[in-house]
């Protein structure tokens, strides 16, 4: 029987979905850890909730920088796996662990120093004191979190993704039980309050690191190459290559997160209603963002596999299939925001002042859903090719040169309030997605042209 032309892309789409679903669930699991901590300290009162939220916010940026620095493993491991150089995959994992060990002390010192600065920034002592205690304990989770990050990138690169989801589910269950025991003093443990919540997260993240490294050891043993028996020594040239790929990726994450944090700060300067509405809307936008973020990680692996295998047309198809998949989801999410904004806000509050502002903000969020999905997936597709600088430049221009300045002008000069800030952020996402979509089109077409492959002309 002759093969129909549709069959290859259907198989590749099915493989992409199979790779993406566990990664998406893992991204949601990452979000769930701080949510679990916040919920479990709720009975201690508003100050404890504020302390956990503040501690996680401060921990978030340095930890994301460290995780971003390891994103280069997506490229090098996936491409090595695509060309069936399994020993090279192993070597890259080792270099990722060395990089995690090298940067963790610096990031931990930064986090510890930040814990002494809450009172200096006007945070009330009622919140600042427990927040500092929470953060100093949580700081010890940074090294296992980065080791987990390196092992996760390795396992994604070699196509072993289900264990990542299982690990996150187990870690969240451990974190929940640990919170119950350590915050309130059950099972013979002392009641440690917010410090107990942080300690529970530390234990959960150690479990994550040990689990994934253990699975990597098992995977290597099954192919006759025991992980620690053939553990590679530090190779500075490879570590430098990881940094060349990872530093722009880490900078891109910081630029993006920093822009949204700046928007949150701006909302705080307006009034409590604007801040509450902004927070509700950004929570929904963050949840929908996790789906294209997971697809983006899967896309980096799929593109990297194809490039490593020398099948460059397949690499291009993987990127476009991922864009189609992510765009379809974000269209659906945008329609939900358009059709049912009020019921979504009522899940958080029935305050009439918030309900008066909130629907329009979710309508703006609906307007940028597609652009947010496109820029995120293009970032992953480009990373699969080994291109990490373009997303950094696009985020710098989109957010910090255009979107945020416009948002501040609309918000405070023209008095459009929180709507003005979100219109500025929407412009930023339109600019970023346009830049990255064009870059992916040109780079992927050039990739195929290098093989003399006929591509669709612009």
Protein backbone atom coordinates (compact mmCIF):
# COMPACT_ATOMS: atom_id res chain seq x y z
CA UNK A 1 0.00 0.00 0.00
CA UNK A 2 1.35 3.44 -0.90
CA UNK A 3 1.75 5.94 1.89
CA UNK A 4 -0.53 8.96 1.68
CA UNK A 5 1.14 12.37 2.00
CA UNK A 6 -0.82 13.17 5.14
CA UNK A 7 0.57 10.30 7.16
CA UNK A 8 3.99 11.74 8.11
CA UNK A 9 2.65 14.95 9.64
CA UNK A 10 -0.11 13.03 11.44
CA UNK A 11 2.46 10.72 13.04
CA UNK A 12 4.66 13.66 13.94
CA UNK A 13 1.71 15.56 15.45
CA UNK A 14 0.78 12.51 17.53
CA UNK A 15 4.40 12.18 18.70
CA UNK A 16 4.51 15.88 19.58
CA UNK A 17 1.31 15.63 21.63
CA UNK A 18 2.64 12.52 23.39
CA UNK A 19 5.78 14.46 24.30
CA UNK A 20 3.97 17.70 25.18
CA UNK A 21 1.22 16.43 27.51
CA UNK A 22 3.53 15.22 30.32
CA UNK A 23 5.62 18.39 30.00
CA UNK A 24 2.51 20.58 30.26
CA UNK A 25 1.42 18.67 33.37
CA UNK A 26 4.90 19.20 34.82
CA UNK A 27 4.66 22.97 34.26
CA UNK A 28 1.31 22.97 36.07
CA UNK A 29 2.94 20.93 38.85
CA UNK A 30 5.65 23.57 39.20
CA UNK A 31 2.94 26.21 39.71
CA UNK A 32 1.15 23.99 42.20
CA UNK A 33 4.01 23.92 44.72
CA UNK A 34 3.70 27.58 45.73
CA UNK A 35 -0.10 27.31 45.58
CA UNK A 36 -0.02 24.38 48.02
CA UNK A 37 2.19 26.36 50.41
CA UNK A 38 -0.17 29.36 50.27
CA UNK A 39 -3.29 27.26 50.84
CA UNK A 40 -1.80 25.28 53.72
CA UNK A 41 -0.69 28.33 55.73
CA UNK A 42 -4.13 29.92 55.29
CA UNK A 43 -5.30 29.01 58.81
CA UNK A 44 -2.38 30.98 60.27
CA UNK A 45 -3.94 34.22 59.00
CA UNK A 46 -3.40 36.92 56.37
CA UNK A 47 0.14 37.75 57.53
CA UNK A 48 1.27 34.16 56.95
CA UNK A 49 -0.37 34.09 53.50
CA UNK A 50 1.38 37.35 52.63
CA UNK A 51 4.70 36.04 53.97
CA UNK A 52 4.58 32.88 51.83
CA UNK A 53 3.51 34.85 48.74
CA UNK A 54 6.31 37.39 49.27
CA UNK A 55 8.93 34.72 49.96
CA UNK A 56 8.00 32.77 46.82
CA UNK A 57 8.03 35.95 44.73
CA UNK A 58 11.57 36.79 45.84
CA UNK A 59 12.79 33.19 45.40
CA UNK A 60 11.17 32.98 41.97
CA UNK A 61 13.51 35.29 40.04
CA UNK A 62 16.93 33.84 41.06
CA UNK A 63 15.63 30.28 40.72
CA UNK A 64 14.21 31.03 37.26
CA UNK A 65 17.56 32.50 36.22
CA UNK A 66 19.30 29.29 37.29
CA UNK A 67 16.75 27.11 35.52
CA UNK A 68 17.03 29.32 32.44
CA UNK A 69 20.80 28.91 32.41
CA UNK A 70 20.25 25.16 32.03
CA UNK A 71 17.85 25.50 29.08
CA UNK A 72 20.75 25.01 26.68
CA UNK A 73 20.54 21.32 27.59
CA UNK A 74 17.32 21.19 25.53
CA UNK A 75 19.34 21.95 22.41
CA UNK A 76 22.49 19.90 22.94
CA UNK A 77 20.90 16.78 24.46
CA UNK A 78 18.05 16.65 21.92
CA UNK A 79 20.42 17.10 18.98
CA UNK A 80 22.84 14.48 20.35
CA UNK A 81 19.95 12.06 20.84
CA UNK A 82 18.70 12.76 17.32
CA UNK A 83 22.06 11.68 15.87
CA UNK A 84 22.04 8.67 18.27
CA UNK A 85 25.13 9.82 20.15
CA UNK A 86 23.91 8.59 23.54
CA UNK A 87 27.27 9.00 25.23
CA UNK A 88 27.21 12.69 24.30
CA UNK A 89 23.76 12.99 25.95
CA UNK A 90 25.34 11.55 29.09
CA UNK A 91 28.27 13.99 28.92
CA UNK A 92 25.93 16.94 28.58
CA UNK A 93 23.96 15.86 31.67
CA UNK A 94 27.20 15.80 33.66
CA UNK A 95 28.15 19.30 32.49
CA UNK A 96 24.67 20.54 33.39
CA UNK A 97 25.07 19.17 36.92
CA UNK A 98 28.47 20.86 37.24
CA UNK A 99 26.94 24.15 36.10
CA UNK A 100 24.13 23.77 38.65
CA UNK A 101 26.67 23.11 41.41
CA UNK A 102 28.70 26.15 40.37
CA UNK A 103 25.89 28.71 40.27
CA UNK A 104 23.81 27.49 43.22
CA UNK A 105 26.01 29.02 45.97
CA UNK A 106 25.92 32.42 44.25
CA UNK A 107 22.16 32.35 43.85
CA UNK A 108 21.68 31.11 47.42
CA UNK A 109 23.76 34.02 48.76
CA UNK A 110 21.60 36.40 46.71
CA UNK A 111 18.36 34.90 48.09
CA UNK A 112 19.69 34.91 51.66
CA UNK A 113 20.68 38.57 51.32
CA UNK A 114 17.23 39.45 50.01
CA UNK A 115 15.64 37.93 53.13
CA UNK A 116 17.17 40.73 55.21
CA UNK A 117 15.74 43.47 53.02
CA UNK A 118 11.99 43.16 53.47
CA UNK A 119 11.71 45.74 56.26
CA UNK A 120 13.87 48.18 54.27
CA UNK A 121 11.29 48.22 51.48
CA UNK A 122 8.43 49.21 53.74
CA UNK A 123 6.99 45.74 54.38
CA UNK A 124 5.30 45.68 57.79
CA UNK A 125 7.06 43.67 60.48
CA UNK A 126 4.00 41.44 60.78
CA UNK A 127 4.69 40.15 57.26
CA UNK A 128 8.43 40.87 56.88
CA UNK A 129 9.55 38.70 59.82
CA UNK A 130 7.80 35.44 58.79
CA UNK A 131 8.60 36.13 55.12
CA UNK A 132 12.31 36.34 55.92
CA UNK A 133 12.15 33.13 57.98
CA UNK A 134 10.28 31.34 55.18
CA UNK A 135 12.74 32.50 52.52
CA UNK A 136 15.86 31.48 54.48
CA UNK A 137 14.58 27.92 54.77
CA UNK A 138 13.30 27.82 51.18
CA UNK A 139 16.77 28.91 50.02
CA UNK A 140 18.05 25.38 50.74
CA UNK A 141 15.79 24.04 47.98
CA UNK A 142 17.69 25.92 45.27
CA UNK A 143 20.45 23.38 44.66
CA UNK A 144 18.11 20.34 44.44
CA UNK A 145 15.80 22.41 42.23
CA UNK A 146 18.63 23.10 39.76
CA UNK A 147 19.83 19.48 39.83
CA UNK A 148 16.25 18.49 39.12
CA UNK A 149 16.23 21.07 36.30
CA UNK A 150 19.35 19.58 34.68
CA UNK A 151 18.03 16.01 35.00
CA UNK A 152 14.65 17.07 33.62
CA UNK A 153 16.22 18.68 30.55
CA UNK A 154 18.28 15.54 29.96
CA UNK A 155 15.26 13.24 30.26
CA UNK A 156 13.17 15.47 28.00
CA UNK A 157 16.00 15.46 25.48
CA UNK A 158 16.07 11.66 25.34
CA UNK A 159 12.26 11.43 25.17
CA UNK A 160 11.66 10.19 28.74
CA UNK A 161 8.98 12.62 29.91
CA UNK A 162 6.35 10.64 31.81
CA UNK A 163 8.60 10.21 34.84
CA UNK A 164 8.79 14.03 35.12
CA UNK A 165 5.01 14.25 35.55
CA UNK A 166 4.92 11.37 38.03
CA UNK A 167 7.71 13.01 40.02
CA UNK A 168 5.84 16.31 40.23
CA UNK A 169 2.64 14.60 41.36
CA UNK A 170 4.56 12.72 44.07
CA UNK A 171 6.42 15.88 45.12
CA UNK A 172 3.20 17.86 45.49
CA UNK A 173 1.66 15.10 47.59
CA UNK A 174 4.77 15.01 49.79
CA UNK A 175 4.67 18.81 50.04
CA UNK A 176 1.02 18.76 51.04
CA UNK A 177 1.57 16.13 53.73
CA UNK A 178 4.73 17.88 54.93
CA UNK A 179 2.89 21.17 55.22
CA UNK A 180 0.16 19.53 57.28
CA UNK A 181 2.70 17.93 59.62
CA UNK A 182 5.25 20.73 59.95
CA UNK A 183 3.12 23.88 59.92
CA UNK A 184 0.68 22.75 62.59
CA UNK A 185 2.74 20.16 64.50
CA UNK A 186 1.10 16.84 63.58
CA UNK A 187 2.65 13.35 63.79
CA UNK A 188 4.90 14.41 66.65
CA UNK A 189 6.62 17.24 64.75
CA UNK A 190 6.91 20.70 66.30
CA UNK A 191 4.55 23.40 64.97
CA UNK A 192 6.91 25.47 62.82
CA UNK A 193 4.44 27.80 61.09
CA UNK A 194 5.65 29.25 57.78
CA UNK A 195 9.12 27.76 58.32
CA UNK A 196 7.51 24.33 58.30
CA UNK A 197 5.90 25.10 54.95
CA UNK A 198 9.29 26.06 53.50
CA UNK A 199 10.96 22.97 54.96
CA UNK A 200 8.29 20.77 53.38
CA UNK A 201 9.03 22.33 49.98
CA UNK A 202 12.77 21.72 50.49
CA UNK A 203 12.10 18.03 51.19
CA UNK A 204 9.81 17.79 48.13
CA UNK A 205 12.46 19.31 45.87
CA UNK A 206 15.15 16.99 47.18
CA UNK A 207 12.78 14.13 46.32
CA UNK A 208 12.39 15.58 42.81
CA UNK A 209 16.14 15.76 42.25
CA UNK A 210 16.82 12.28 43.63
CA UNK A 211 13.92 10.75 41.66
CA UNK A 212 14.97 12.14 38.30
CA UNK A 213 18.66 11.39 38.80
CA UNK A 214 17.66 7.89 39.88
CA UNK A 215 15.58 7.43 36.75
CA UNK A 216 18.44 8.77 34.60
CA UNK A 217 20.75 6.20 36.26
CA UNK A 218 18.22 3.44 35.51
CA UNK A 219 17.84 4.59 31.91
CA UNK A 220 21.61 4.62 31.35
CA UNK A 221 22.04 1.23 33.05
CA UNK A 222 19.43 -0.34 30.74
CA UNK A 223 21.44 0.70 27.71
CA UNK A 224 24.63 -0.71 29.23
CA UNK A 225 26.23 2.60 30.18
CA UNK A 226 25.93 3.02 33.98
CA UNK A 227 25.58 6.70 34.78
CA UNK A 228 28.05 7.05 37.60
CA UNK A 229 30.50 4.45 36.34
CA UNK A 230 31.07 6.55 33.20
CA UNK A 231 30.46 9.98 34.75
CA UNK A 232 32.22 12.66 32.70
CA UNK A 233 34.68 15.10 34.22
CA UNK A 234 34.08 18.85 33.99
CA UNK A 235 34.86 20.13 30.49
CA UNK A 236 35.12 23.91 30.45
CA UNK A 237 34.52 24.18 26.71
CA UNK A 238 31.21 22.32 27.04
CA UNK A 239 30.18 24.32 30.11
CA UNK A 240 30.98 27.53 28.21
CA UNK A 241 28.82 26.29 25.33
CA UNK A 242 25.97 25.64 27.76
CA UNK A 243 26.37 29.17 29.12
CA UNK A 244 26.38 30.66 25.62
CA UNK A 245 23.03 28.99 24.99
CA UNK A 246 21.65 29.38 28.50
CA UNK A 247 22.54 32.97 29.39
CA UNK A 248 20.34 34.53 26.69
CA UNK A 249 17.54 32.11 27.62
CA UNK A 250 17.88 33.05 31.30
CA UNK A 251 17.95 36.76 30.40
CA UNK A 252 14.83 36.33 28.27
CA UNK A 253 12.99 34.75 31.22
CA UNK A 254 14.07 37.56 33.58
CA UNK A 255 13.02 40.23 31.07
CA UNK A 256 9.59 38.61 30.68
CA UNK A 257 8.99 37.97 34.38
CA UNK A 258 10.37 41.40 35.26
CA UNK A 259 7.93 43.09 32.91
CA UNK A 260 4.92 41.41 34.50
CA UNK A 261 6.28 42.10 38.00
CA UNK A 262 6.62 45.77 37.01
CA UNK A 263 2.98 45.71 35.91
CA UNK A 264 2.00 44.25 39.29
CA UNK A 265 3.96 46.98 41.08
CA UNK A 266 2.23 49.60 38.93
CA UNK A 267 -1.16 48.13 39.81
CA UNK A 268 -0.19 48.43 43.48
CA UNK A 269 0.39 52.17 43.00
CA UNK A 270 -3.17 52.63 41.75
CA UNK A 271 -5.53 51.22 44.40
CA UNK A 272 -6.37 47.89 46.06
CA UNK A 273 -9.19 47.19 43.58
CA UNK A 274 -6.87 47.58 40.59
CA UNK A 275 -4.27 45.35 42.24
CA UNK A 276 -6.80 42.64 43.15
CA UNK A 277 -8.30 42.64 39.66
CA UNK A 278 -4.85 42.57 38.05
CA UNK A 279 -3.88 39.62 40.23
CA UNK A 280 -6.99 37.63 39.35
CA UNK A 281 -6.55 38.26 35.62
CA UNK A 282 -2.85 37.43 35.69
CA UNK A 283 -3.62 34.18 37.53
CA UNK A 284 -5.86 33.08 34.66
CA UNK A 285 -3.36 34.26 32.03
CA UNK A 286 -0.60 32.35 33.87
CA UNK A 287 -2.60 29.12 33.86
CA UNK A 288 -3.33 29.30 30.13
CA UNK A 289 0.32 30.23 29.50
CA UNK A 290 1.45 26.92 31.03
CA UNK A 291 0.00 25.00 28.07
CA UNK A 292 2.05 26.70 25.31
CA UNK A 293 5.02 26.75 27.70
CA UNK A 294 4.88 22.96 27.92
CA UNK A 295 4.36 22.69 24.16
CA UNK A 296 7.35 25.00 23.73
CA UNK A 297 9.61 22.68 25.74
CA UNK A 298 8.37 19.70 23.74
CA UNK A 299 8.95 21.63 20.51
CA UNK A 300 12.57 22.34 21.46
CA UNK A 301 13.10 18.61 21.92
CA UNK A 302 11.26 17.60 18.71
CA UNK A 303 13.14 20.16 16.60
CA UNK A 304 16.44 19.20 18.23
CA UNK A 305 15.85 15.49 17.55
CA UNK A 306 15.15 16.20 13.88
CA UNK A 307 18.18 18.48 13.49
CA UNK A 308 20.42 15.92 15.17
CA UNK A 309 19.08 13.21 12.85
CA UNK A 310 19.78 15.41 9.84
CA UNK A 311 16.08 15.49 8.93
CA UNK A 312 15.75 19.24 8.59
CA UNK A 313 12.36 19.29 6.84
CA UNK A 314 10.99 17.32 9.82
CA UNK A 315 12.48 19.94 12.15
CA UNK A 316 10.58 22.64 10.30
CA UNK A 317 7.34 20.65 10.35
CA UNK A 318 7.70 20.09 14.09
CA UNK A 319 7.82 23.83 14.70
CA UNK A 320 4.80 24.60 12.55
CA UNK A 321 2.77 21.71 13.98
CA UNK A 322 3.52 22.97 17.49
CA UNK A 323 2.46 26.48 16.52
CA UNK A 324 -0.81 25.13 15.17
CA UNK A 325 -1.43 23.09 18.32
CA UNK A 326 -0.61 25.94 20.70
CA UNK A 327 -2.59 28.51 18.71
CA UNK A 328 -5.67 26.26 18.70
CA UNK A 329 -5.56 26.02 22.50
CA UNK A 330 -5.03 29.76 22.98
CA UNK A 331 -7.95 30.55 20.66
CA UNK A 332 -10.11 28.36 22.89
CA UNK A 333 -8.75 30.06 26.05
CA UNK A 334 -9.39 33.50 24.57
CA UNK A 335 -12.99 32.56 23.73
CA UNK A 336 -13.55 31.42 27.32
CA UNK A 337 -12.23 34.76 28.61
CA UNK A 338 -14.51 36.60 26.17
CA UNK A 339 -17.67 34.61 26.86
CA UNK A 340 -17.49 34.05 30.63
CA UNK A 341 -15.35 36.73 32.31
CA UNK A 342 -17.71 37.39 35.20
CA UNK A 343 -18.10 33.74 36.34
CA UNK A 344 -14.32 33.36 36.20
CA UNK A 345 -13.80 36.39 38.45
CA UNK A 346 -16.55 35.23 40.83
CA UNK A 347 -14.46 32.11 41.53
CA UNK A 348 -12.12 34.52 43.38
CA UNK A 349 -14.42 37.23 44.72
CA UNK A 350 -17.96 38.66 44.62
CA UNK A 351 -16.78 42.19 45.42
CA UNK A 352 -18.85 44.45 43.10
CA UNK A 353 -15.93 46.84 42.58
CA UNK A 354 -13.69 44.03 41.31
CA UNK A 355 -16.53 42.62 39.21
CA UNK A 356 -16.96 46.04 37.60
CA UNK A 357 -13.31 46.19 36.47
CA UNK A 358 -12.47 42.52 35.95
CA UNK A 359 -14.41 41.53 32.80
CA UNK A 360 -12.77 44.22 30.66
CA UNK A 361 -9.34 43.10 31.88
CA UNK A 362 -10.07 39.49 30.92
CA UNK A 363 -11.22 40.72 27.50
CA UNK A 364 -7.79 42.33 27.05
CA UNK A 365 -6.21 39.04 28.18
CA UNK A 366 -8.31 37.27 25.55
CA UNK A 367 -6.88 39.61 22.91
CA UNK A 368 -3.27 38.62 23.64
CA UNK A 369 -3.73 34.87 24.15
CA UNK A 370 -2.77 33.92 20.59
CA UNK A 371 0.26 36.23 20.59
CA UNK A 372 1.43 34.87 23.96
CA UNK A 373 1.18 31.31 22.66
CA UNK A 374 2.99 32.10 19.40
CA UNK A 375 5.93 33.86 21.06
CA UNK A 376 6.33 31.08 23.62
CA UNK A 377 6.31 28.23 21.10
CA UNK A 378 8.57 30.09 18.68
CA UNK A 379 11.04 30.49 21.55
CA UNK A 380 11.10 26.70 22.03
CA UNK A 381 11.36 25.99 18.30
CA UNK A 382 14.29 28.38 17.94
CA UNK A 383 15.96 26.83 21.00
CA UNK A 384 15.76 23.47 19.25
CA UNK A 385 17.82 25.03 16.45
CA UNK A 386 20.30 26.42 18.98
CA UNK A 387 19.05 30.04 18.70
CA UNK A 388 18.46 31.65 22.10
CA UNK A 389 19.51 35.28 21.51
CA UNK A 390 16.60 36.28 19.29
CA UNK A 391 13.97 35.66 22.03
CA UNK A 392 16.06 37.70 24.48
CA UNK A 393 16.28 40.66 22.07
CA UNK A 394 12.58 40.37 21.19
CA UNK A 395 11.57 40.49 24.87
CA UNK A 396 13.88 43.44 25.51
CA UNK A 397 12.38 45.41 22.63
CA UNK A 398 8.79 44.26 23.07
CA UNK A 399 8.46 44.73 26.81
CA UNK A 400 11.07 47.26 27.90
CA UNK A 401 11.38 49.52 24.86
CA UNK A 402 7.76 49.55 23.69
CA UNK A 403 5.14 47.79 25.84
CA UNK A 404 5.97 48.91 29.37
CA UNK A 405 6.67 52.58 28.51
CA UNK A 406 3.37 52.74 26.59
CA UNK A 407 1.57 51.01 29.47
CA UNK A 408 2.94 53.48 32.00
CA UNK A 409 1.94 56.43 29.84
CA UNK A 410 -1.57 55.11 29.30
CA UNK A 411 -1.91 54.10 32.96
CA UNK A 412 -0.60 57.19 34.75
CA UNK A 413 -0.36 60.05 32.23
CA UNK A 414 -3.56 59.48 30.26
CA UNK A 415 -5.29 58.09 33.37
CA UNK A 416 -6.52 54.86 31.75
CA UNK A 417 -5.59 53.00 34.92
CA UNK A 418 -4.91 49.26 34.93
CA UNK A 419 -6.46 48.94 31.46
CA UNK A 420 -3.68 51.13 30.05
CA UNK A 421 -1.00 48.92 31.57
CA UNK A 422 -2.53 45.78 30.08
CA UNK A 423 -2.90 47.42 26.66
CA UNK A 424 0.84 48.15 26.79
CA UNK A 425 1.59 44.52 27.67
CA UNK A 426 -0.64 43.36 24.82
CA UNK A 427 1.35 45.52 22.40
CA UNK A 428 4.55 43.97 23.77
CA UNK A 429 3.29 40.45 23.07
CA UNK A 430 2.20 41.40 19.55
CA UNK A 431 5.68 42.79 18.83
CA UNK A 432 7.50 39.82 20.38
CA UNK A 433 5.38 37.21 18.61
CA UNK A 434 5.81 39.00 15.25
CA UNK A 435 9.59 39.16 15.62
CA UNK A 436 9.95 35.54 16.70
CA UNK A 437 7.48 34.13 14.18
CA UNK A 438 9.38 35.84 11.36
CA UNK A 439 12.69 34.63 12.80
CA UNK A 440 11.42 31.04 12.99
CA UNK A 441 10.09 31.25 9.41
CA UNK A 442 13.41 32.53 8.05
CA UNK A 443 15.67 30.24 10.13
CA UNK A 444 13.65 27.11 9.41
CA UNK A 445 13.43 27.91 5.70
CA UNK A 446 17.19 28.53 5.59
CA UNK A 447 17.72 25.24 7.42
CA UNK A 448 15.89 23.35 4.68
CA UNK A 449 17.48 25.39 1.91
CA UNK A 450 20.91 24.25 3.15
CA UNK A 451 19.93 20.74 2.03
CA UNK A 452 18.63 21.98 -1.28
CA UNK A 453 15.09 21.26 -0.08
CA UNK A 454 12.33 23.11 -1.86
CA UNK A 455 10.46 25.29 0.61
CA UNK A 456 7.40 27.43 0.40
CA UNK A 457 8.35 30.89 -0.78
CA UNK A 458 7.22 33.94 1.11
